[in-house]
Amino acid sequence: MSEVVRPSRNRLLHIAGTGWADLRYPYLVSLNWSAPMPAEDLRETVWREIVDLFEGDEDSARDWMSRPRIPLGHATPAEMLGSPEDIARLRQFIQQIQRGIVP
């Protein structure tokens, strides 16, 4: 069974790059409607999100990336870095973990 990581509320806000005011007044948060990121930039973004999830511990992040995950169809997170669609699915899974909503 995989270990569930539950970051603190302040850690989640730090990861999300937002503050309490943004949560209370979401209409004040500007949306980024820029063009889609290239796949390599998406991979780098995902890696930073995963390392942040493990509070900077890259060894734990690498270990997590190498183990199959049931919510990803028994694929490893590393296997999900091949296409923008898979990366989006992986990022959604990471966000669920950050919010404590692990399927």
PDB file of N, CA and C in Angstrom:
ATOM      1  N   MET A   1       0.848  -1.174   0.000  1.00  0.00           N
ATOM      2  CA  MET A   1       0.000   0.000   0.000  1.00  0.00           C
ATOM      3  C   MET A   1       0.895   1.239   0.000  1.00  0.00           C
ATOM      4  N   SER A   2       0.547   2.195  -0.778  1.00  0.00           N
ATOM      5  CA  SER A   2       1.362   3.402  -0.862  1.00  0.00           C
ATOM      6  C   SER A   2       1.095   4.322   0.324  1.00  0.00           C
ATOM      7  N   GLU A   3       2.091   5.101   0.642  1.00  0.00           N
ATOM      8  CA  GLU A   3       2.000   6.028   1.765  1.00  0.00           C
ATOM      9  C   GLU A   3       1.286   7.302   1.320  1.00  0.00           C
ATOM     10  N   VAL A   4       0.386   7.786   2.136  1.00  0.00           N
ATOM     11  CA  VAL A   4      -0.357   9.008   1.840  1.00  0.00           C
ATOM     12  C   VAL A   4       0.373  10.184   2.473  1.00  0.00           C
ATOM     13  N   VAL A   5       0.666  11.171   1.672  1.00  0.00           N
ATOM     14  CA  VAL A   5       1.338  12.374   2.149  1.00  0.00           C
ATOM     15  C   VAL A   5       0.296  13.469   2.291  1.00  0.00           C
ATOM     16  N   ARG A   6       0.190  14.055   3.460  1.00  0.00           N
ATOM     17  CA  ARG A   6      -0.774  15.123   3.701  1.00  0.00           C
ATOM     18  C   ARG A   6      -0.034  16.370   4.161  1.00  0.00           C
ATOM     19  N   PRO A   7       0.309  17.252   3.207  1.00  0.00           N
ATOM     20  CA  PRO A   7       1.008  18.487   3.588  1.00  0.00           C
ATOM     21  C   PRO A   7       0.099  19.409   4.392  1.00  0.00           C
ATOM     22  N   SER A   8       0.719  20.289   5.158  1.00  0.00           N
ATOM     23  CA  SER A   8      -0.041  21.247   5.957  1.00  0.00           C
ATOM     24  C   SER A   8      -0.729  22.267   5.044  1.00  0.00           C
ATOM     25  N   ARG A   9      -1.697  22.992   5.603  1.00  0.00           N
ATOM     26  CA  ARG A   9      -2.422  24.008   4.840  1.00  0.00           C
ATOM     27  C   ARG A   9      -1.471  25.084   4.323  1.00  0.00           C
ATOM     28  N   ASN A  10      -0.540  25.526   5.170  1.00  0.00           N
ATOM     29  CA  ASN A  10       0.418  26.549   4.730  1.00  0.00           C
ATOM     30  C   ASN A  10       1.310  26.016   3.621  1.00  0.00           C
ATOM     31  N   ARG A  11       1.696  24.742   3.711  1.00  0.00           N
ATOM     32  CA  ARG A  11       2.524  24.136   2.659  1.00  0.00           C
ATOM     33  C   ARG A  11       1.744  24.093   1.349  1.00  0.00           C
ATOM     34  N   LEU A  12       0.469  23.763   1.417  1.00  0.00           N
ATOM     35  CA  LEU A  12      -0.356  23.734   0.212  1.00  0.00           C
ATOM     36  C   LEU A  12      -0.461  25.114  -0.419  1.00  0.00           C
ATOM     37  N   LEU A  13      -0.612  26.134   0.429  1.00  0.00           N
ATOM     38  CA  LEU A  13      -0.685  27.493  -0.103  1.00  0.00           C
ATOM     39  C   LEU A  13       0.633  27.875  -0.767  1.00  0.00           C
ATOM     40  N   HIS A  14       1.740  27.453  -0.153  1.00  0.00           N
ATOM     41  CA  HIS A  14       3.050  27.743  -0.736  1.00  0.00           C
ATOM     42  C   HIS A  14       3.190  27.048  -2.087  1.00  0.00           C
ATOM     43  N   ILE A  15       2.805  25.771  -2.148  1.00  0.00           N
ATOM     44  CA  ILE A  15       2.895  25.011  -3.393  1.00  0.00           C
ATOM     45  C   ILE A  15       2.027  25.657  -4.467  1.00  0.00           C
ATOM     46  N   ALA A  16       0.830  26.076  -4.075  1.00  0.00           N
ATOM     47  CA  ALA A  16      -0.091  26.677  -5.041  1.00  0.00           C
ATOM     48  C   ALA A  16       0.325  28.091  -5.430  1.00  0.00           C
ATOM     49  N   GLY A  17       1.233  28.686  -4.642  1.00  0.00           N
ATOM     50  CA  GLY A  17       1.666  30.047  -4.947  1.00  0.00           C
ATOM     51  C   GLY A  17       0.580  31.058  -4.678  1.00  0.00           C
ATOM     52  N   THR A  18      -0.219  30.800  -3.666  1.00  0.00           N
ATOM     53  CA  THR A  18      -1.342  31.677  -3.367  1.00  0.00           C
ATOM     54  C   THR A  18      -1.340  32.008  -1.882  1.00  0.00           C
ATOM     55  N   GLY A  19      -2.198  32.888  -1.489  1.00  0.00           N
ATOM     56  CA  GLY A  19      -2.311  33.272  -0.090  1.00  0.00           C
ATOM     57  C   GLY A  19      -3.753  33.143   0.368  1.00  0.00           C
ATOM     58  N   TRP A  20      -3.982  33.417   1.636  1.00  0.00           N
ATOM     59  CA  TRP A  20      -5.324  33.304   2.187  1.00  0.00           C
ATOM     60  C   TRP A  20      -6.317  34.220   1.471  1.00  0.00           C
ATOM     61  N   ALA A  21      -5.884  35.415   1.120  1.00  0.00           N
ATOM     62  CA  ALA A  21      -6.793  36.344   0.441  1.00  0.00           C
ATOM     63  C   ALA A  21      -7.260  35.765  -0.895  1.00  0.00           C
ATOM     64  N   ASP A  22      -6.370  35.057  -1.575  1.00  0.00           N
ATOM     65  CA  ASP A  22      -6.740  34.454  -2.852  1.00  0.00           C
ATOM     66  C   ASP A  22      -7.819  33.392  -2.668  1.00  0.00           C
ATOM     67  N   LEU A  23      -7.765  32.677  -1.528  1.00  0.00           N
ATOM     68  CA  LEU A  23      -8.769  31.652  -1.278  1.00  0.00           C
ATOM     69  C   LEU A  23     -10.114  32.262  -0.891  1.00  0.00           C
ATOM     70  N   ARG A  24     -10.066  33.367  -0.160  1.00  0.00           N
ATOM     71  CA  ARG A  24     -11.310  34.014   0.264  1.00  0.00           C
ATOM     72  C   ARG A  24     -11.945  34.804  -0.868  1.00  0.00           C
ATOM     73  N   TYR A  25     -11.125  35.333  -1.747  1.00  0.00           N
ATOM     74  CA  TYR A  25     -11.611  36.174  -2.838  1.00  0.00           C
ATOM     75  C   TYR A  25     -11.072  35.647  -4.169  1.00  0.00           C
ATOM     76  N   PRO A  26     -11.544  34.465  -4.611  1.00  0.00           N
ATOM     77  CA  PRO A  26     -10.974  33.855  -5.814  1.00  0.00           C
ATOM     78  C   PRO A  26     -11.159  34.691  -7.070  1.00  0.00           C
ATOM     79  N   TYR A  27     -12.152  35.587  -7.081  1.00  0.00           N
ATOM     80  CA  TYR A  27     -12.373  36.402  -8.273  1.00  0.00           C
ATOM     81  C   TYR A  27     -11.273  37.438  -8.459  1.00  0.00           C
ATOM     82  N   LEU A  28     -10.436  37.655  -7.436  1.00  0.00           N
ATOM     83  CA  LEU A  28      -9.325  38.595  -7.564  1.00  0.00           C
ATOM     84  C   LEU A  28      -8.081  37.948  -8.155  1.00  0.00           C
ATOM     85  N   VAL A  29      -8.066  36.615  -8.221  1.00  0.00           N
ATOM     86  CA  VAL A  29      -6.910  35.899  -8.758  1.00  0.00           C
ATOM     87  C   VAL A  29      -6.972  35.952 -10.276  1.00  0.00           C
ATOM     88  N   SER A  30      -5.893  36.392 -10.887  1.00  0.00           N
ATOM     89  CA  SER A  30      -5.890  36.479 -12.344  1.00  0.00           C
ATOM     90  C   SER A  30      -5.618  35.104 -12.943  1.00  0.00           C
ATOM     91  N   LEU A  31      -6.285  34.829 -14.040  1.00  0.00           N
ATOM     92  CA  LEU A  31      -6.097  33.564 -14.732  1.00  0.00           C
ATOM     93  C   LEU A  31      -5.053  33.731 -15.816  1.00  0.00           C
ATOM     94  N   ASN A  32      -4.273  32.691 -16.021  1.00  0.00           N
ATOM     95  CA  ASN A  32      -3.242  32.709 -17.050  1.00  0.00           C
ATOM     96  C   ASN A  32      -3.772  31.967 -18.268  1.00  0.00           C
ATOM     97  N   TRP A  33      -4.139  32.710 -19.305  1.00  0.00           N
ATOM     98  CA  TRP A  33      -4.689  32.125 -20.513  1.00  0.00           C
ATOM     99  C   TRP A  33      -3.635  32.035 -21.609  1.00  0.00           C
ATOM    100  N   SER A  34      -2.386  31.802 -21.222  1.00  0.00           N
ATOM    101  CA  SER A  34      -1.297  31.741 -22.193  1.00  0.00           C
ATOM    102  C   SER A  34      -1.369  30.440 -23.002  1.00  0.00           C
ATOM    103  N   ALA A  35      -0.544  30.377 -24.020  1.00  0.00           N
ATOM    104  CA  ALA A  35      -0.489  29.193 -24.883  1.00  0.00           C
ATOM    105  C   ALA A  35      -0.011  27.985 -24.075  1.00  0.00           C
ATOM    106  N   PRO A  36      -0.372  26.780 -24.510  1.00  0.00           N
ATOM    107  CA  PRO A  36       0.066  25.577 -23.806  1.00  0.00           C
ATOM    108  C   PRO A  36       1.592  25.495 -23.739  1.00  0.00           C
ATOM    109  N   MET A  37       2.084  24.944 -22.631  1.00  0.00           N
ATOM    110  CA  MET A  37       3.530  24.805 -22.454  1.00  0.00           C
ATOM    111  C   MET A  37       4.049  23.647 -23.298  1.00  0.00           C
ATOM    112  N   PRO A  38       5.283  23.762 -23.801  1.00  0.00           N
ATOM    113  CA  PRO A  38       5.906  22.625 -24.487  1.00  0.00           C
ATOM    114  C   PRO A  38       6.064  21.456 -23.509  1.00  0.00           C
ATOM    115  N   ALA A  39       6.121  20.234 -24.047  1.00  0.00           N
ATOM    116  CA  ALA A  39       6.187  19.030 -23.215  1.00  0.00           C
ATOM    117  C   ALA A  39       7.365  19.060 -22.245  1.00  0.00           C
ATOM    118  N   GLU A  40       8.511  19.531 -22.687  1.00  0.00           N
ATOM    119  CA  GLU A  40       9.683  19.565 -21.802  1.00  0.00           C
ATOM    120  C   GLU A  40       9.454  20.505 -20.621  1.00  0.00           C
ATOM    121  N   ASP A  41       8.829  21.646 -20.867  1.00  0.00           N
ATOM    122  CA  ASP A  41       8.511  22.567 -19.774  1.00  0.00           C
ATOM    123  C   ASP A  41       7.491  21.953 -18.817  1.00  0.00           C
ATOM    124  N   LEU A  42       6.534  21.199 -19.379  1.00  0.00           N
ATOM    125  CA  LEU A  42       5.559  20.522 -18.532  1.00  0.00           C
ATOM    126  C   LEU A  42       6.247  19.502 -17.633  1.00  0.00           C
ATOM    127  N   ARG A  43       7.196  18.750 -18.196  1.00  0.00           N
ATOM    128  CA  ARG A  43       7.932  17.759 -17.397  1.00  0.00           C
ATOM    129  C   ARG A  43       8.686  18.425 -16.254  1.00  0.00           C
ATOM    130  N   GLU A  44       9.326  19.545 -16.539  1.00  0.00           N
ATOM    131  CA  GLU A  44      10.059  20.276 -15.494  1.00  0.00           C
ATOM    132  C   GLU A  44       9.100  20.784 -14.420  1.00  0.00           C
ATOM    133  N   THR A  45       7.946  21.277 -14.839  1.00  0.00           N
ATOM    134  CA  THR A  45       6.947  21.771 -13.894  1.00  0.00           C
ATOM    135  C   THR A  45       6.456  20.637 -12.998  1.00  0.00           C
ATOM    136  N   VAL A  46       6.167  19.479 -13.595  1.00  0.00           N
ATOM    137  CA  VAL A  46       5.712  18.329 -12.825  1.00  0.00           C
ATOM    138  C   VAL A  46       6.783  17.902 -11.827  1.00  0.00           C
ATOM    139  N   TRP A  47       8.031  17.865 -12.260  1.00  0.00           N
ATOM    140  CA  TRP A  47       9.120  17.461 -11.364  1.00  0.00           C
ATOM    141  C   TRP A  47       9.194  18.417 -10.162  1.00  0.00           C
ATOM    142  N   ARG A  48       9.100  19.714 -10.413  1.00  0.00           N
ATOM    143  CA  ARG A  48       9.125  20.688  -9.300  1.00  0.00           C
ATOM    144  C   ARG A  48       7.940  20.473  -8.359  1.00  0.00           C
ATOM    145  N   GLU A  49       6.763  20.187  -8.927  1.00  0.00           N
ATOM    146  CA  GLU A  49       5.581  19.945  -8.098  1.00  0.00           C
ATOM    147  C   GLU A  49       5.767  18.707  -7.222  1.00  0.00           C
ATOM    148  N   ILE A  50       6.374  17.670  -7.789  1.00  0.00           N
ATOM    149  CA  ILE A  50       6.585  16.434  -7.031  1.00  0.00           C
ATOM    150  C   ILE A  50       7.622  16.652  -5.935  1.00  0.00           C
ATOM    151  N   VAL A  51       8.710  17.341  -6.262  1.00  0.00           N
ATOM    152  CA  VAL A  51       9.730  17.629  -5.246  1.00  0.00           C
ATOM    153  C   VAL A  51       9.127  18.500  -4.147  1.00  0.00           C
ATOM    154  N   ASP A  52       8.305  19.464  -4.501  1.00  0.00           N
ATOM    155  CA  ASP A  52       7.615  20.281  -3.496  1.00  0.00           C
ATOM    156  C   ASP A  52       6.707  19.424  -2.620  1.00  0.00           C
ATOM    157  N   LEU A  53       6.054  18.438  -3.236  1.00  0.00           N
ATOM    158  CA  LEU A  53       5.179  17.544  -2.484  1.00  0.00           C
ATOM    159  C   LEU A  53       5.961  16.817  -1.387  1.00  0.00           C
ATOM    160  N   PHE A  54       7.221  16.504  -1.681  1.00  0.00           N
ATOM    161  CA  PHE A  54       8.086  15.824  -0.714  1.00  0.00           C
ATOM    162  C   PHE A  54       9.006  16.801   0.014  1.00  0.00           C
ATOM    163  N   GLU A  55       8.614  18.065   0.010  1.00  0.00           N
ATOM    164  CA  GLU A  55       9.313  19.125   0.737  1.00  0.00           C
ATOM    165  C   GLU A  55      10.805  19.181   0.428  1.00  0.00           C
ATOM    166  N   GLY A  56      11.126  19.043  -0.860  1.00  0.00           N
ATOM    167  CA  GLY A  56      12.495  19.203  -1.321  1.00  0.00           C
ATOM    168  C   GLY A  56      13.331  17.937  -1.323  1.00  0.00           C
ATOM    169  N   ASP A  57      12.797  16.822  -0.869  1.00  0.00           N
ATOM    170  CA  ASP A  57      13.542  15.562  -0.811  1.00  0.00           C
ATOM    171  C   ASP A  57      13.483  14.869  -2.174  1.00  0.00           C
ATOM    172  N   GLU A  58      14.522  15.078  -2.983  1.00  0.00           N
ATOM    173  CA  GLU A  58      14.526  14.544  -4.344  1.00  0.00           C
ATOM    174  C   GLU A  58      14.610  13.026  -4.367  1.00  0.00           C
ATOM    175  N   ASP A  59      15.280  12.402  -3.383  1.00  0.00           N
ATOM    176  CA  ASP A  59      15.362  10.937  -3.344  1.00  0.00           C
ATOM    177  C   ASP A  59      13.979  10.326  -3.142  1.00  0.00           C
ATOM    178  N   SER A  60      13.208  10.889  -2.228  1.00  0.00           N
ATOM    179  CA  SER A  60      11.838  10.395  -2.013  1.00  0.00           C
ATOM    180  C   SER A  60      10.979  10.642  -3.242  1.00  0.00           C
ATOM    181  N   ALA A  61      11.187  11.774  -3.891  1.00  0.00           N
ATOM    182  CA  ALA A  61      10.430  12.084  -5.112  1.00  0.00           C
ATOM    183  C   ALA A  61      10.755  11.083  -6.219  1.00  0.00           C
ATOM    184  N   ARG A  62      12.032  10.757  -6.393  1.00  0.00           N
ATOM    185  CA  ARG A  62      12.426   9.763  -7.408  1.00  0.00           C
ATOM    186  C   ARG A  62      11.835   8.393  -7.089  1.00  0.00           C
ATOM    187  N   ASP A  63      11.870   8.017  -5.807  1.00  0.00           N
ATOM    188  CA  ASP A  63      11.305   6.740  -5.400  1.00  0.00           C
ATOM    189  C   ASP A  63       9.811   6.711  -5.703  1.00  0.00           C
ATOM    190  N   TRP A  64       9.101   7.783  -5.384  1.00  0.00           N
ATOM    191  CA  TRP A  64       7.664   7.876  -5.652  1.00  0.00           C
ATOM    192  C   TRP A  64       7.388   7.771  -7.142  1.00  0.00           C
ATOM    193  N   MET A  65       8.243   8.397  -7.949  1.00  0.00           N
ATOM    194  CA  MET A  65       8.063   8.378  -9.407  1.00  0.00           C
ATOM    195  C   MET A  65       8.233   6.978  -9.995  1.00  0.00           C
ATOM    196  N   SER A  66       8.970   6.107  -9.318  1.00  0.00           N
ATOM    197  CA  SER A  66       9.293   4.794  -9.885  1.00  0.00           C
ATOM    198  C   SER A  66       8.320   3.690  -9.484  1.00  0.00           C
ATOM    199  N   ARG A  67       7.341   3.998  -8.642  1.00  0.00           N
ATOM    200  CA  ARG A  67       6.407   2.963  -8.173  1.00  0.00           C
ATOM    201  C   ARG A  67       5.047   3.095  -8.859  1.00  0.00           C
ATOM    202  N   PRO A  68       4.486   1.964  -9.280  1.00  0.00           N
ATOM    203  CA  PRO A  68       3.163   1.999  -9.923  1.00  0.00           C
ATOM    204  C   PRO A  68       2.110   2.572  -8.978  1.00  0.00           C
ATOM    205  N   ARG A  69       1.187   3.341  -9.552  1.00  0.00           N
ATOM    206  CA  ARG A  69       0.115   3.978  -8.783  1.00  0.00           C
ATOM    207  C   ARG A  69      -1.233   3.531  -9.332  1.00  0.00           C
ATOM    208  N   ILE A  70      -2.092   3.017  -8.468  1.00  0.00           N
ATOM    209  CA  ILE A  70      -3.398   2.528  -8.888  1.00  0.00           C
ATOM    210  C   ILE A  70      -4.215   3.616  -9.594  1.00  0.00           C
ATOM    211  N   PRO A  71      -4.274   4.868  -9.060  1.00  0.00           N
ATOM    212  CA  PRO A  71      -5.069   5.895  -9.752  1.00  0.00           C
ATOM    213  C   PRO A  71      -4.538   6.253 -11.148  1.00  0.00           C
ATOM    214  N   LEU A  72      -3.321   5.844 -11.443  1.00  0.00           N
ATOM    215  CA  LEU A  72      -2.757   6.102 -12.775  1.00  0.00           C
ATOM    216  C   LEU A  72      -2.836   4.846 -13.644  1.00  0.00           C
ATOM    217  N   GLY A  73      -3.726   3.929 -13.293  1.00  0.00           N
ATOM    218  CA  GLY A  73      -3.871   2.697 -14.071  1.00  0.00           C
ATOM    219  C   GLY A  73      -2.701   1.760 -13.887  1.00  0.00           C
ATOM    220  N   HIS A  74      -2.126   1.735 -12.707  1.00  0.00           N
ATOM    221  CA  HIS A  74      -0.967   0.914 -12.349  1.00  0.00           C
ATOM    222  C   HIS A  74       0.297   1.314 -13.104  1.00  0.00           C
ATOM    223  N   ALA A  75       0.300   2.496 -13.680  1.00  0.00           N
ATOM    224  CA  ALA A  75       1.511   3.027 -14.323  1.00  0.00           C
ATOM    225  C   ALA A  75       2.329   3.772 -13.275  1.00  0.00           C
ATOM    226  N   THR A  76       3.617   3.885 -13.524  1.00  0.00           N
ATOM    227  CA  THR A  76       4.433   4.710 -12.644  1.00  0.00           C
ATOM    228  C   THR A  76       4.279   6.160 -13.078  1.00  0.00           C
ATOM    229  N   PRO A  77       4.435   7.103 -12.159  1.00  0.00           N
ATOM    230  CA  PRO A  77       4.383   8.505 -12.566  1.00  0.00           C
ATOM    231  C   PRO A  77       5.414   8.829 -13.657  1.00  0.00           C
ATOM    232  N   ALA A  78       6.574   8.175 -13.608  1.00  0.00           N
ATOM    233  CA  ALA A  78       7.599   8.421 -14.631  1.00  0.00           C
ATOM    234  C   ALA A  78       7.097   8.028 -16.018  1.00  0.00           C
ATOM    235  N   GLU A  79       6.269   6.991 -16.091  1.00  0.00           N
ATOM    236  CA  GLU A  79       5.705   6.562 -17.377  1.00  0.00           C
ATOM    237  C   GLU A  79       4.674   7.553 -17.912  1.00  0.00           C
ATOM    238  N   MET A  80       4.178   8.420 -17.053  1.00  0.00           N
ATOM    239  CA  MET A  80       3.133   9.375 -17.440  1.00  0.00           C
ATOM    240  C   MET A  80       3.706  10.653 -18.044  1.00  0.00           C
ATOM    241  N   LEU A  81       4.995  10.710 -18.271  1.00  0.00           N
ATOM    242  CA  LEU A  81       5.625  11.932 -18.775  1.00  0.00           C
ATOM    243  C   LEU A  81       5.773  11.948 -20.291  1.00  0.00           C
ATOM    244  N   GLY A  82       5.114  11.012 -20.992  1.00  0.00           N
ATOM    245  CA  GLY A  82       5.288  10.887 -22.429  1.00  0.00           C
ATOM    246  C   GLY A  82       4.479  11.847 -23.283  1.00  0.00           C
ATOM    247  N   SER A  83       3.282  12.177 -22.846  1.00  0.00           N
ATOM    248  CA  SER A  83       2.431  13.043 -23.667  1.00  0.00           C
ATOM    249  C   SER A  83       1.798  14.118 -22.792  1.00  0.00           C
ATOM    250  N   PRO A  84       1.399  15.235 -23.399  1.00  0.00           N
ATOM    251  CA  PRO A  84       0.740  16.283 -22.618  1.00  0.00           C
ATOM    252  C   PRO A  84      -0.522  15.791 -21.904  1.00  0.00           C
ATOM    253  N   GLU A  85      -1.253  14.864 -22.514  1.00  0.00           N
ATOM    254  CA  GLU A  85      -2.468  14.336 -21.888  1.00  0.00           C
ATOM    255  C   GLU A  85      -2.122  13.546 -20.628  1.00  0.00           C
ATOM    256  N   ASP A  86      -1.088  12.685 -20.721  1.00  0.00           N
ATOM    257  CA  ASP A  86      -0.671  11.912 -19.549  1.00  0.00           C
ATOM    258  C   ASP A  86      -0.104  12.819 -18.467  1.00  0.00           C
ATOM    259  N   ILE A  87       0.621  13.840 -18.877  1.00  0.00           N
ATOM    260  CA  ILE A  87       1.175  14.791 -17.910  1.00  0.00           C
ATOM    261  C   ILE A  87       0.042  15.510 -17.186  1.00  0.00           C
ATOM    262  N   ALA A  88      -1.010  15.882 -17.921  1.00  0.00           N
ATOM    263  CA  ALA A  88      -2.155  16.539 -17.293  1.00  0.00           C
ATOM    264  C   ALA A  88      -2.822  15.602 -16.289  1.00  0.00           C
ATOM    265  N   ARG A  89      -2.933  14.331 -16.628  1.00  0.00           N
ATOM    266  CA  ARG A  89      -3.503  13.339 -15.708  1.00  0.00           C
ATOM    267  C   ARG A  89      -2.634  13.192 -14.457  1.00  0.00           C
ATOM    268  N   LEU A  90      -1.317  13.159 -14.639  1.00  0.00           N
ATOM    269  CA  LEU A  90      -0.390  13.073 -13.514  1.00  0.00           C
ATOM    270  C   LEU A  90      -0.500  14.304 -12.628  1.00  0.00           C
ATOM    271  N   ARG A  91      -0.564  15.481 -13.235  1.00  0.00           N
ATOM    272  CA  ARG A  91      -0.690  16.719 -12.457  1.00  0.00           C
ATOM    273  C   ARG A  91      -1.997  16.738 -11.671  1.00  0.00           C
ATOM    274  N   GLN A  92      -3.062  16.232 -12.264  1.00  0.00           N
ATOM    275  CA  GLN A  92      -4.342  16.158 -11.553  1.00  0.00           C
ATOM    276  C   GLN A  92      -4.195  15.244 -10.336  1.00  0.00           C
ATOM    277  N   PHE A  93      -3.519  14.118 -10.492  1.00  0.00           N
ATOM    278  CA  PHE A  93      -3.286  13.195  -9.383  1.00  0.00           C
ATOM    279  C   PHE A  93      -2.467  13.875  -8.282  1.00  0.00           C
ATOM    280  N   ILE A  94      -1.424  14.602  -8.674  1.00  0.00           N
ATOM    281  CA  ILE A  94      -0.590  15.319  -7.704  1.00  0.00           C
ATOM    282  C   ILE A  94      -1.431  16.346  -6.947  1.00  0.00           C
ATOM    283  N   GLN A  95      -2.278  17.067  -7.660  1.00  0.00           N
ATOM    284  CA  GLN A  95      -3.141  18.061  -7.008  1.00  0.00           C
ATOM    285  C   GLN A  95      -4.113  17.403  -6.038  1.00  0.00           C
ATOM    286  N   GLN A  96      -4.598  16.217  -6.379  1.00  0.00           N
ATOM    287  CA  GLN A  96      -5.481  15.497  -5.464  1.00  0.00           C
ATOM    288  C   GLN A  96      -4.727  15.134  -4.177  1.00  0.00           C
ATOM    289  N   ILE A  97      -3.488  14.700  -4.321  1.00  0.00           N
ATOM    290  CA  ILE A  97      -2.668  14.371  -3.145  1.00  0.00           C
ATOM    291  C   ILE A  97      -2.457  15.625  -2.304  1.00  0.00           C
ATOM    292  N   GLN A  98      -2.145  16.735  -2.960  1.00  0.00           N
ATOM    293  CA  GLN A  98      -1.909  17.982  -2.232  1.00  0.00           C
ATOM    294  C   GLN A  98      -3.141  18.408  -1.441  1.00  0.00           C
ATOM    295  N   ARG A  99      -4.304  18.137  -1.984  1.00  0.00           N
ATOM    296  CA  ARG A  99      -5.557  18.535  -1.326  1.00  0.00           C
ATOM    297  C   ARG A  99      -6.084  17.485  -0.356  1.00  0.00           C
ATOM    298  N   GLY A 100      -5.382  16.337  -0.315  1.00  0.00           N
ATOM    299  CA  GLY A 100      -5.820  15.265   0.572  1.00  0.00           C
ATOM    300  C   GLY A 100      -6.987  14.465   0.008  1.00  0.00           C
ATOM    301  N   ILE A 101      -7.181  14.538  -1.311  1.00  0.00           N
ATOM    302  CA  ILE A 101      -8.281  13.835  -1.968  1.00  0.00           C
ATOM    303  C   ILE A 101      -7.665  12.746  -2.845  1.00  0.00           C
ATOM    304  N   VAL A 102      -7.140  11.716  -2.223  1.00  0.00           N
ATOM    305  CA  VAL A 102      -6.495  10.647  -2.969  1.00  0.00           C
ATOM    306  C   VAL A 102      -7.541   9.591  -3.291  1.00  0.00           C
ATOM    307  N   PRO A 103      -7.728   9.300  -4.581  1.00  0.00           N
ATOM    308  CA  PRO A 103      -8.750   8.307  -4.968  1.00  0.00           C
ATOM    309  C   PRO A 103      -8.405   6.917  -4.484  1.00  0.00           C
TER     310      PRO A 103
END
